[in-house]
Amino acid sequence: MSFFSKLINLIKNDSDFSADPPKQQHVNIHGYNSRATLYKMDTLEEIQSIPVPTAPFELRCDFTESIEYVLQRKATQFKRAGDMDCAIACLQKALEIIPFAPMTYTDVNSRLEKYLRIARRFSEADSIKSNEPVNNDITKHIKTSSVLSLSEMSNMIEVTASPRICGECAKYQKRIYAKGGKKGFPDMKIFIDYLNHKTCDCNLAFYPFFYGTDPTFTKASNAVRYSNRPFIDDRTSSEKQEYNNYITKQKTDIKDRQDYNWIWEHLPDIAPKSYGGYRNMKNQNSKNYQKLVAIAKEHGYII
């Protein structure tokens, strides 16, 4: 059985995921079939009637033919045709399916928020946290289950160096972990416990490790000693600065997006046509941008 199959089975057996029973007829006792050609999605009613899986599913087709992927393409088509209700419904349905899909999608929430604002459905858009990963709790569960599944095939895993991570995650990277602390390495449970409790969205990459080979971060002869170094933030000054710059840029992007959303909602007659256009105006500090800042201030909003 492949690693992917083991992972899916592990999650199925270890999960309490639930969803409303689908009303359409394309789900069978052998699991969810995500092939998009099985479903109609030309009207609002058809889109809303597409069933949602009740557990993680495996692909029976190329991922570009899977329903959650095709729904995102259909959303673009409906938007270009001016049918924002169907475009929004496609993204909403995709978001219901994605937590159970084997592929990772990171920008669907932000697209849905954008489409809702274009349709001037502001209260719905405000309820979406577009800067967070889709269904972070399930993503965390899958990551933890991935480690557990790896441990079934290998007694050791290597957590490689990851760029642009926080000080807490830095404590756990560049180490070999072993089941039960074998060969003198830190116990794999230490890493699994951290994955279960970490609150950031840093991505820690890990792979099977075979004893006697060189890990990516040191020589094999030093691997035990290096893996058992104190669990402290040992990033270099440049790595810390890179992370801080990343966080600063994120905060700036969030504020710029909030400002543009306010302008689009409250000053639609003079709002730039796109967020990208607004960012260009701001970066150039153009006269039109200065005008927007002044008018917003008259309305009690500080850009």
C-alpha atoms as a PDB file:
ATOM      1  CA  MET A   1       0.000   0.000   0.000  1.00  0.00           C
ATOM      2  CA  SER A   2       1.375   3.444  -0.918  1.00  0.00           C
ATOM      3  CA  PHE A   3       2.248   6.068   1.678  1.00  0.00           C
ATOM      4  CA  PHE A   4      -0.652   8.183   0.465  1.00  0.00           C
ATOM      5  CA  SER A   5      -3.120   5.311   0.865  1.00  0.00           C
ATOM      6  CA  LYS A   6      -1.827   4.588   4.350  1.00  0.00           C
ATOM      7  CA  LEU A   7      -2.188   8.233   5.265  1.00  0.00           C
ATOM      8  CA  ILE A   8      -5.764   8.405   4.042  1.00  0.00           C
ATOM      9  CA  ASN A   9      -6.703   5.187   5.843  1.00  0.00           C
ATOM     10  CA  LEU A  10      -5.077   6.424   9.019  1.00  0.00           C
ATOM     11  CA  ILE A  11      -7.030   9.668   8.914  1.00  0.00           C
ATOM     12  CA  LYS A  12     -10.265   7.812   8.200  1.00  0.00           C
ATOM     13  CA  ASN A  13      -9.767   5.553  11.199  1.00  0.00           C
ATOM     14  CA  ASP A  14      -8.586   8.318  13.513  1.00  0.00           C
ATOM     15  CA  SER A  15     -10.996  11.088  12.560  1.00  0.00           C
ATOM     16  CA  ASP A  16     -14.383  12.267  13.739  1.00  0.00           C
ATOM     17  CA  PHE A  17     -14.993  14.441  10.703  1.00  0.00           C
ATOM     18  CA  SER A  18     -18.670  14.753   9.846  1.00  0.00           C
ATOM     19  CA  ALA A  19     -20.879  16.386   7.261  1.00  0.00           C
ATOM     20  CA  ASP A  20     -24.540  16.441   6.378  1.00  0.00           C
ATOM     21  CA  PRO A  21     -25.565  13.402   4.300  1.00  0.00           C
ATOM     22  CA  PRO A  22     -25.449  14.338   0.608  1.00  0.00           C
ATOM     23  CA  LYS A  23     -28.762  14.640  -1.191  1.00  0.00           C
ATOM     24  CA  GLN A  24     -27.406  13.762  -4.633  1.00  0.00           C
ATOM     25  CA  GLN A  25     -26.830  10.219  -5.855  1.00  0.00           C
ATOM     26  CA  HIS A  26     -23.139  10.178  -6.765  1.00  0.00           C
ATOM     27  CA  VAL A  27     -21.753   9.052  -3.400  1.00  0.00           C
ATOM     28  CA  ASN A  28     -21.509   5.284  -3.114  1.00  0.00           C
ATOM     29  CA  ILE A  29     -20.593   2.861  -0.347  1.00  0.00           C
ATOM     30  CA  HIS A  30     -17.033   2.612  -1.638  1.00  0.00           C
ATOM     31  CA  GLY A  31     -16.328   6.288  -1.006  1.00  0.00           C
ATOM     32  CA  TYR A  32     -16.639   9.724  -2.522  1.00  0.00           C
ATOM     33  CA  ASN A  33     -16.110  10.024  -6.259  1.00  0.00           C
ATOM     34  CA  SER A  34     -14.734  13.482  -7.019  1.00  0.00           C
ATOM     35  CA  ARG A  35     -14.757  13.210 -10.822  1.00  0.00           C
ATOM     36  CA  ALA A  36     -16.366  16.493 -11.888  1.00  0.00           C
ATOM     37  CA  THR A  37     -18.099  15.042 -14.964  1.00  0.00           C
ATOM     38  CA  LEU A  38     -20.459  13.211 -12.601  1.00  0.00           C
ATOM     39  CA  TYR A  39     -21.975  16.479 -11.439  1.00  0.00           C
ATOM     40  CA  LYS A  40     -23.934  19.295 -13.051  1.00  0.00           C
ATOM     41  CA  MET A  41     -22.925  22.848 -12.160  1.00  0.00           C
ATOM     42  CA  ASP A  42     -24.613  25.162 -14.662  1.00  0.00           C
ATOM     43  CA  THR A  43     -27.212  26.658 -12.327  1.00  0.00           C
ATOM     44  CA  LEU A  44     -27.254  27.829  -8.717  1.00  0.00           C
ATOM     45  CA  GLU A  45     -29.440  24.886  -7.716  1.00  0.00           C
ATOM     46  CA  GLU A  46     -27.139  22.349  -9.380  1.00  0.00           C
ATOM     47  CA  ILE A  47     -24.058  23.803  -7.695  1.00  0.00           C
ATOM     48  CA  GLN A  48     -25.667  23.812  -4.271  1.00  0.00           C
ATOM     49  CA  SER A  49     -26.841  20.190  -4.681  1.00  0.00           C
ATOM     50  CA  ILE A  50     -23.318  18.809  -5.263  1.00  0.00           C
ATOM     51  CA  PRO A  51     -22.670  16.397  -2.376  1.00  0.00           C
ATOM     52  CA  VAL A  52     -19.931  16.882   0.196  1.00  0.00           C
ATOM     53  CA  PRO A  53     -17.758  13.945   1.323  1.00  0.00           C
ATOM     54  CA  THR A  54     -17.962  12.652   4.865  1.00  0.00           C
ATOM     55  CA  ALA A  55     -14.293  11.632   5.110  1.00  0.00           C
ATOM     56  CA  PRO A  56     -11.000  12.249   3.280  1.00  0.00           C
ATOM     57  CA  PHE A  57     -11.124  10.754  -0.209  1.00  0.00           C
ATOM     58  CA  GLU A  58      -8.607   9.500  -2.754  1.00  0.00           C
ATOM     59  CA  LEU A  59      -8.557  10.776  -6.307  1.00  0.00           C
ATOM     60  CA  ARG A  60      -9.982   8.512  -9.011  1.00  0.00           C
ATOM     61  CA  CYS A  61      -8.953  10.968 -11.735  1.00  0.00           C
ATOM     62  CA  ASP A  62      -6.372  13.629 -12.488  1.00  0.00           C
ATOM     63  CA  PHE A  63      -6.593  16.403  -9.896  1.00  0.00           C
ATOM     64  CA  THR A  64      -7.559  18.909 -12.632  1.00  0.00           C
ATOM     65  CA  GLU A  65     -10.715  16.812 -13.173  1.00  0.00           C
ATOM     66  CA  SER A  66     -11.613  16.681  -9.469  1.00  0.00           C
ATOM     67  CA  ILE A  67     -14.767  18.515  -8.431  1.00  0.00           C
ATOM     68  CA  GLU A  68     -13.166  20.939  -5.937  1.00  0.00           C
ATOM     69  CA  TYR A  69     -10.649  22.034  -8.613  1.00  0.00           C
ATOM     70  CA  VAL A  70     -13.201  22.334 -11.418  1.00  0.00           C
ATOM     71  CA  LEU A  71     -15.538  24.354  -9.193  1.00  0.00           C
ATOM     72  CA  GLN A  72     -12.835  26.985  -8.833  1.00  0.00           C
ATOM     73  CA  ARG A  73     -12.457  27.183 -12.627  1.00  0.00           C
ATOM     74  CA  LYS A  74     -16.236  27.423 -13.008  1.00  0.00           C
ATOM     75  CA  ALA A  75     -16.250  30.290 -10.518  1.00  0.00           C
ATOM     76  CA  THR A  76     -13.938  32.235 -12.819  1.00  0.00           C
ATOM     77  CA  GLN A  77     -16.166  31.510 -15.811  1.00  0.00           C
ATOM     78  CA  PHE A  78     -19.297  32.667 -13.981  1.00  0.00           C
ATOM     79  CA  LYS A  79     -17.514  35.829 -12.806  1.00  0.00           C
ATOM     80  CA  ARG A  80     -16.472  36.694 -16.369  1.00  0.00           C
ATOM     81  CA  ALA A  81     -20.065  36.149 -17.462  1.00  0.00           C
ATOM     82  CA  GLY A  82     -21.282  38.504 -14.733  1.00  0.00           C
ATOM     83  CA  ASP A  83     -23.094  35.808 -12.734  1.00  0.00           C
ATOM     84  CA  MET A  84     -21.635  36.514  -9.301  1.00  0.00           C
ATOM     85  CA  ASP A  85     -24.207  34.403  -7.425  1.00  0.00           C
ATOM     86  CA  CYS A  86     -23.115  31.232  -9.234  1.00  0.00           C
ATOM     87  CA  ALA A  87     -19.450  32.217  -9.014  1.00  0.00           C
ATOM     88  CA  ILE A  88     -19.771  32.619  -5.243  1.00  0.00           C
ATOM     89  CA  ALA A  89     -21.722  29.378  -4.908  1.00  0.00           C
ATOM     90  CA  CYS A  90     -18.930  27.500  -6.728  1.00  0.00           C
ATOM     91  CA  LEU A  91     -16.305  28.741  -4.293  1.00  0.00           C
ATOM     92  CA  GLN A  92     -18.519  28.061  -1.289  1.00  0.00           C
ATOM     93  CA  LYS A  93     -19.104  24.492  -2.437  1.00  0.00           C
ATOM     94  CA  ALA A  94     -15.392  24.023  -3.156  1.00  0.00           C
ATOM     95  CA  LEU A  95     -14.607  25.155   0.388  1.00  0.00           C
ATOM     96  CA  GLU A  96     -16.965  22.508   1.772  1.00  0.00           C
ATOM     97  CA  ILE A  97     -15.137  19.770  -0.158  1.00  0.00           C
ATOM     98  CA  ILE A  98     -11.507  20.934   0.127  1.00  0.00           C
ATOM     99  CA  PRO A  99     -10.931  19.891   3.776  1.00  0.00           C
ATOM    100  CA  PHE A 100     -11.416  16.267   2.688  1.00  0.00           C
ATOM    101  CA  ALA A 101      -9.481  16.496  -0.598  1.00  0.00           C
ATOM    102  CA  PRO A 102      -5.913  15.175  -0.983  1.00  0.00           C
ATOM    103  CA  MET A 103      -4.757  18.374  -2.723  1.00  0.00           C
ATOM    104  CA  THR A 104      -3.918  21.591  -0.854  1.00  0.00           C
ATOM    105  CA  TYR A 105      -5.546  24.879  -1.867  1.00  0.00           C
ATOM    106  CA  THR A 106      -4.478  28.086  -0.156  1.00  0.00           C
ATOM    107  CA  ASP A 107      -6.274  31.016  -1.816  1.00  0.00           C
ATOM    108  CA  VAL A 108      -9.925  29.978  -2.035  1.00  0.00           C
ATOM    109  CA  ASN A 109     -11.017  31.941   1.025  1.00  0.00           C
ATOM    110  CA  SER A 110      -9.439  35.122  -0.300  1.00  0.00           C
ATOM    111  CA  ARG A 111     -11.113  34.623  -3.688  1.00  0.00           C
ATOM    112  CA  LEU A 112     -14.484  34.085  -2.050  1.00  0.00           C
ATOM    113  CA  GLU A 113     -14.077  37.245   0.022  1.00  0.00           C
ATOM    114  CA  LYS A 114     -13.134  39.189  -3.103  1.00  0.00           C
ATOM    115  CA  TYR A 115     -16.138  37.882  -5.047  1.00  0.00           C
ATOM    116  CA  LEU A 116     -18.508  38.696  -2.178  1.00  0.00           C
ATOM    117  CA  ARG A 117     -17.228  42.256  -2.099  1.00  0.00           C
ATOM    118  CA  ILE A 118     -17.619  42.606  -5.867  1.00  0.00           C
ATOM    119  CA  ALA A 119     -21.225  41.479  -5.378  1.00  0.00           C
ATOM    120  CA  ARG A 120     -21.475  44.027  -2.525  1.00  0.00           C
ATOM    121  CA  ARG A 121     -22.325  41.293  -0.021  1.00  0.00           C
ATOM    122  CA  PHE A 122     -20.128  42.943   2.576  1.00  0.00           C
ATOM    123  CA  SER A 123     -21.405  41.299   5.765  1.00  0.00           C
ATOM    124  CA  GLU A 124     -20.692  37.852   4.307  1.00  0.00           C
ATOM    125  CA  ALA A 125     -17.262  38.970   3.132  1.00  0.00           C
ATOM    126  CA  ASP A 126     -16.412  40.361   6.566  1.00  0.00           C
ATOM    127  CA  SER A 127     -17.098  36.973   8.141  1.00  0.00           C
ATOM    128  CA  ILE A 128     -14.337  35.297   6.115  1.00  0.00           C
ATOM    129  CA  LYS A 129     -10.793  35.108   7.455  1.00  0.00           C
ATOM    130  CA  SER A 130      -9.086  35.019   4.104  1.00  0.00           C
ATOM    131  CA  ASN A 131      -5.571  35.195   5.526  1.00  0.00           C
ATOM    132  CA  GLU A 132      -5.917  31.830   7.267  1.00  0.00           C
ATOM    133  CA  PRO A 133      -5.386  28.409   5.685  1.00  0.00           C
ATOM    134  CA  VAL A 134      -8.527  26.537   4.636  1.00  0.00           C
ATOM    135  CA  ASN A 135      -9.748  24.473   7.614  1.00  0.00           C
ATOM    136  CA  ASN A 136      -6.577  24.791   9.664  1.00  0.00           C
ATOM    137  CA  ASP A 137      -7.722  22.231  12.262  1.00  0.00           C
ATOM    138  CA  ILE A 138      -8.083  19.503   9.639  1.00  0.00           C
ATOM    139  CA  THR A 139      -4.803  20.552   8.013  1.00  0.00           C
ATOM    140  CA  LYS A 140      -3.087  20.184  11.391  1.00  0.00           C
ATOM    141  CA  HIS A 141      -4.708  16.772  11.871  1.00  0.00           C
ATOM    142  CA  ILE A 142      -3.454  15.616   8.461  1.00  0.00           C
ATOM    143  CA  LYS A 143       0.086  16.840   9.216  1.00  0.00           C
ATOM    144  CA  THR A 144       0.097  14.962  12.524  1.00  0.00           C
ATOM    145  CA  SER A 145      -1.343  11.871  10.864  1.00  0.00           C
ATOM    146  CA  SER A 146       1.379  12.138   8.221  1.00  0.00           C
ATOM    147  CA  VAL A 147       4.018  11.779  10.923  1.00  0.00           C
ATOM    148  CA  LEU A 148       2.174   8.826  12.413  1.00  0.00           C
ATOM    149  CA  SER A 149       1.904   7.202   8.998  1.00  0.00           C
ATOM    150  CA  LEU A 150       5.589   7.787   8.309  1.00  0.00           C
ATOM    151  CA  SER A 151       6.424   6.145  11.604  1.00  0.00           C
ATOM    152  CA  GLU A 152       4.666   2.967  10.387  1.00  0.00           C
ATOM    153  CA  MET A 153       7.163   2.668   7.529  1.00  0.00           C
ATOM    154  CA  SER A 154      10.256   4.168   9.120  1.00  0.00           C
ATOM    155  CA  ASN A 155      11.410   4.323  12.725  1.00  0.00           C
ATOM    156  CA  MET A 156      12.906   7.760  12.094  1.00  0.00           C
ATOM    157  CA  ILE A 157      11.988  11.055  10.473  1.00  0.00           C
ATOM    158  CA  GLU A 158      14.079  14.056   9.559  1.00  0.00           C
ATOM    159  CA  VAL A 159      12.650  17.545  10.070  1.00  0.00           C
ATOM    160  CA  THR A 160      14.564  19.630   7.570  1.00  0.00           C
ATOM    161  CA  ALA A 161      15.492  23.308   7.713  1.00  0.00           C
ATOM    162  CA  SER A 162      12.581  25.529   6.721  1.00  0.00           C
ATOM    163  CA  PRO A 163      12.935  29.105   5.519  1.00  0.00           C
ATOM    164  CA  ARG A 164      11.055  31.940   7.164  1.00  0.00           C
ATOM    165  CA  ILE A 165       9.750  30.253  10.294  1.00  0.00           C
ATOM    166  CA  CYS A 166       8.993  31.589  13.763  1.00  0.00           C
ATOM    167  CA  GLY A 167      11.163  31.153  16.833  1.00  0.00           C
ATOM    168  CA  GLU A 168       9.026  28.342  18.253  1.00  0.00           C
ATOM    169  CA  CYS A 169       9.112  26.232  15.094  1.00  0.00           C
ATOM    170  CA  ALA A 170      12.858  26.857  14.813  1.00  0.00           C
ATOM    171  CA  LYS A 171      13.329  24.843  18.007  1.00  0.00           C
ATOM    172  CA  TYR A 172      12.077  21.671  16.323  1.00  0.00           C
ATOM    173  CA  GLN A 173      13.659  21.844  12.864  1.00  0.00           C
ATOM    174  CA  LYS A 174      16.962  20.340  11.714  1.00  0.00           C
ATOM    175  CA  ARG A 175      16.600  17.251  13.883  1.00  0.00           C
ATOM    176  CA  ILE A 176      16.190  13.507  13.547  1.00  0.00           C
ATOM    177  CA  TYR A 177      13.373  12.032  15.634  1.00  0.00           C
ATOM    178  CA  ALA A 178      13.017   8.314  16.355  1.00  0.00           C
ATOM    179  CA  LYS A 179      10.201   6.185  17.726  1.00  0.00           C
ATOM    180  CA  GLY A 180      10.842   5.584  21.406  1.00  0.00           C
ATOM    181  CA  GLY A 181      14.067   7.628  21.244  1.00  0.00           C
ATOM    182  CA  LYS A 182      15.916   4.783  19.513  1.00  0.00           C
ATOM    183  CA  LYS A 183      19.598   5.199  18.603  1.00  0.00           C
ATOM    184  CA  GLY A 184      19.767   8.116  21.038  1.00  0.00           C
ATOM    185  CA  PHE A 185      17.648  10.492  18.944  1.00  0.00           C
ATOM    186  CA  PRO A 186      14.831  12.609  20.427  1.00  0.00           C
ATOM    187  CA  ASP A 187      11.531  10.760  20.701  1.00  0.00           C
ATOM    188  CA  MET A 188       9.199  11.279  17.762  1.00  0.00           C
ATOM    189  CA  LYS A 189       6.396  12.032  20.220  1.00  0.00           C
ATOM    190  CA  ILE A 190       8.083  15.378  20.988  1.00  0.00           C
ATOM    191  CA  PHE A 191       7.572  16.526  17.403  1.00  0.00           C
ATOM    192  CA  ILE A 192       4.060  15.086  17.109  1.00  0.00           C
ATOM    193  CA  ASP A 193       3.029  16.859  20.314  1.00  0.00           C
ATOM    194  CA  TYR A 194       4.356  20.161  18.987  1.00  0.00           C
ATOM    195  CA  LEU A 195       2.440  19.771  15.709  1.00  0.00           C
ATOM    196  CA  ASN A 196      -0.724  19.146  17.703  1.00  0.00           C
ATOM    197  CA  HIS A 197      -0.361  22.310  19.747  1.00  0.00           C
ATOM    198  CA  LYS A 198       1.378  24.867  17.535  1.00  0.00           C
ATOM    199  CA  THR A 199      -0.755  27.882  16.612  1.00  0.00           C
ATOM    200  CA  CYS A 200       1.299  29.451  13.803  1.00  0.00           C
ATOM    201  CA  ASP A 201       1.035  28.634  10.102  1.00  0.00           C
ATOM    202  CA  CYS A 202       4.731  27.861   9.583  1.00  0.00           C
ATOM    203  CA  ASN A 203       5.407  24.849   7.395  1.00  0.00           C
ATOM    204  CA  LEU A 204       7.730  22.276   8.944  1.00  0.00           C
ATOM    205  CA  ALA A 205       8.828  19.726   6.341  1.00  0.00           C
ATOM    206  CA  PHE A 206       9.631  16.150   7.405  1.00  0.00           C
ATOM    207  CA  TYR A 207      10.661  12.965   5.611  1.00  0.00           C
ATOM    208  CA  PRO A 208      11.616   9.368   6.402  1.00  0.00           C
ATOM    209  CA  PHE A 209      15.205   9.053   7.595  1.00  0.00           C
ATOM    210  CA  PHE A 210      17.382   5.984   7.226  1.00  0.00           C
ATOM    211  CA  TYR A 211      19.989   5.472   9.884  1.00  0.00           C
ATOM    212  CA  GLY A 212      23.568   5.770   8.650  1.00  0.00           C
ATOM    213  CA  THR A 213      22.850   8.236   5.861  1.00  0.00           C
ATOM    214  CA  ASP A 214      23.665  11.932   6.061  1.00  0.00           C
ATOM    215  CA  PRO A 215      20.780  14.207   7.060  1.00  0.00           C
ATOM    216  CA  THR A 216      20.462  17.501   5.179  1.00  0.00           C
ATOM    217  CA  PHE A 217      21.750  19.599   8.071  1.00  0.00           C
ATOM    218  CA  THR A 218      24.901  17.797   9.308  1.00  0.00           C
ATOM    219  CA  LYS A 219      27.081  14.710   8.930  1.00  0.00           C
ATOM    220  CA  ALA A 220      25.756  11.347  10.076  1.00  0.00           C
ATOM    221  CA  SER A 221      28.457  11.150  12.747  1.00  0.00           C
ATOM    222  CA  ASN A 222      27.125  14.345  14.330  1.00  0.00           C
ATOM    223  CA  ALA A 223      23.414  13.678  13.813  1.00  0.00           C
ATOM    224  CA  VAL A 224      22.641  12.315  17.287  1.00  0.00           C
ATOM    225  CA  ARG A 225      24.463  15.085  19.112  1.00  0.00           C
ATOM    226  CA  TYR A 226      23.038  17.818  16.882  1.00  0.00           C
ATOM    227  CA  SER A 227      19.492  16.462  17.127  1.00  0.00           C
ATOM    228  CA  ASN A 228      19.765  16.525  20.929  1.00  0.00           C
ATOM    229  CA  ARG A 229      20.929  20.136  21.162  1.00  0.00           C
ATOM    230  CA  PRO A 230      18.785  22.334  23.462  1.00  0.00           C
ATOM    231  CA  PHE A 231      15.312  23.143  22.166  1.00  0.00           C
ATOM    232  CA  ILE A 232      15.966  26.856  21.732  1.00  0.00           C
ATOM    233  CA  ASP A 233      15.562  29.358  18.923  1.00  0.00           C
ATOM    234  CA  ASP A 234      18.947  29.049  17.223  1.00  0.00           C
ATOM    235  CA  ARG A 235      18.150  30.931  14.025  1.00  0.00           C
ATOM    236  CA  THR A 236      20.833  33.247  12.709  1.00  0.00           C
ATOM    237  CA  SER A 237      20.376  37.009  12.802  1.00  0.00           C
ATOM    238  CA  SER A 238      19.692  37.058   9.065  1.00  0.00           C
ATOM    239  CA  GLU A 239      17.076  34.284   9.387  1.00  0.00           C
ATOM    240  CA  LYS A 240      15.318  36.195  12.167  1.00  0.00           C
ATOM    241  CA  GLN A 241      15.400  39.365  10.083  1.00  0.00           C
ATOM    242  CA  GLU A 242      13.978  37.536   7.075  1.00  0.00           C
ATOM    243  CA  TYR A 243      11.109  36.255   9.199  1.00  0.00           C
ATOM    244  CA  ASN A 244      10.473  39.694  10.722  1.00  0.00           C
ATOM    245  CA  ASN A 245      10.433  41.259   7.253  1.00  0.00           C
ATOM    246  CA  TYR A 246       7.935  38.625   6.157  1.00  0.00           C
ATOM    247  CA  ILE A 247       5.646  39.365   9.110  1.00  0.00           C
ATOM    248  CA  THR A 248       5.913  43.121   8.510  1.00  0.00           C
ATOM    249  CA  LYS A 249       4.969  42.642   4.865  1.00  0.00           C
ATOM    250  CA  GLN A 250       2.028  40.471   5.879  1.00  0.00           C
ATOM    251  CA  LYS A 251       0.747  43.173   8.233  1.00  0.00           C
ATOM    252  CA  THR A 252       1.158  45.818   5.543  1.00  0.00           C
ATOM    253  CA  ASP A 253      -0.704  43.676   3.024  1.00  0.00           C
ATOM    254  CA  ILE A 254      -3.533  43.091   5.493  1.00  0.00           C
ATOM    255  CA  LYS A 255      -3.871  46.835   6.225  1.00  0.00           C
ATOM    256  CA  ASP A 256      -3.789  47.709   2.519  1.00  0.00           C
ATOM    257  CA  ARG A 257      -6.483  45.141   1.830  1.00  0.00           C
ATOM    258  CA  GLN A 258      -8.623  46.493   4.686  1.00  0.00           C
ATOM    259  CA  ASP A 259      -8.223  50.027   3.318  1.00  0.00           C
ATOM    260  CA  TYR A 260      -9.182  48.987  -0.198  1.00  0.00           C
ATOM    261  CA  ASN A 261     -12.185  47.040   1.067  1.00  0.00           C
ATOM    262  CA  TRP A 262     -13.379  50.120   2.970  1.00  0.00           C
ATOM    263  CA  ILE A 263     -12.951  52.322  -0.100  1.00  0.00           C
ATOM    264  CA  TRP A 264     -14.806  49.824  -2.289  1.00  0.00           C
ATOM    265  CA  GLU A 265     -17.711  49.668   0.168  1.00  0.00           C
ATOM    266  CA  HIS A 266     -18.008  53.333   1.150  1.00  0.00           C
ATOM    267  CA  LEU A 267     -16.567  55.240  -1.838  1.00  0.00           C
ATOM    268  CA  PRO A 268     -17.530  53.048  -4.812  1.00  0.00           C
ATOM    269  CA  ASP A 269     -17.699  55.941  -7.257  1.00  0.00           C
ATOM    270  CA  ILE A 270     -14.009  56.781  -6.878  1.00  0.00           C
ATOM    271  CA  ALA A 271     -12.643  53.362  -5.839  1.00  0.00           C
ATOM    272  CA  PRO A 272      -9.887  51.880  -8.033  1.00  0.00           C
ATOM    273  CA  LYS A 273     -11.157  49.009 -10.159  1.00  0.00           C
ATOM    274  CA  SER A 274      -8.815  46.487  -8.550  1.00  0.00           C
ATOM    275  CA  TYR A 275      -6.751  45.962  -5.432  1.00  0.00           C
ATOM    276  CA  GLY A 276      -3.627  45.830  -7.588  1.00  0.00           C
ATOM    277  CA  GLY A 277      -4.485  49.235  -9.009  1.00  0.00           C
ATOM    278  CA  TYR A 278      -4.913  50.604  -5.500  1.00  0.00           C
ATOM    279  CA  ARG A 279      -1.524  49.232  -4.416  1.00  0.00           C
ATOM    280  CA  ASN A 280       0.114  50.889  -7.423  1.00  0.00           C
ATOM    281  CA  MET A 281      -1.503  54.216  -6.528  1.00  0.00           C
ATOM    282  CA  LYS A 282      -0.291  53.914  -2.971  1.00  0.00           C
ATOM    283  CA  ASN A 283       3.263  52.929  -3.887  1.00  0.00           C
ATOM    284  CA  GLN A 284       3.483  55.887  -6.275  1.00  0.00           C
ATOM    285  CA  ASN A 285       1.704  58.193  -3.807  1.00  0.00           C
ATOM    286  CA  SER A 286      -0.208  59.555  -6.769  1.00  0.00           C
ATOM    287  CA  LYS A 287      -2.565  62.546  -6.648  1.00  0.00           C
ATOM    288  CA  ASN A 288      -5.548  60.206  -6.918  1.00  0.00           C
ATOM    289  CA  TYR A 289      -4.242  58.249  -3.927  1.00  0.00           C
ATOM    290  CA  GLN A 290      -3.804  61.430  -1.907  1.00  0.00           C
ATOM    291  CA  LYS A 291      -7.352  62.390  -2.855  1.00  0.00           C
ATOM    292  CA  LEU A 292      -8.626  59.032  -1.601  1.00  0.00           C
ATOM    293  CA  VAL A 293      -6.782  59.473   1.690  1.00  0.00           C
ATOM    294  CA  ALA A 294      -8.282  62.941   2.176  1.00  0.00           C
ATOM    295  CA  ILE A 295     -11.849  61.890   1.340  1.00  0.00           C
ATOM    296  CA  ALA A 296     -11.611  58.816   3.555  1.00  0.00           C
ATOM    297  CA  LYS A 297     -10.448  61.024   6.433  1.00  0.00           C
ATOM    298  CA  GLU A 298     -13.501  63.276   5.901  1.00  0.00           C
ATOM    299  CA  HIS A 299     -15.617  60.139   6.375  1.00  0.00           C
ATOM    300  CA  GLY A 300     -13.808  59.255   9.609  1.00  0.00           C
ATOM    301  CA  TYR A 301     -11.552  56.514   8.180  1.00  0.00           C
ATOM    302  CA  ILE A 302      -7.761  56.743   8.351  1.00  0.00           C
ATOM    303  CA  ILE A 303      -5.837  55.127   5.512  1.00  0.00           C
END
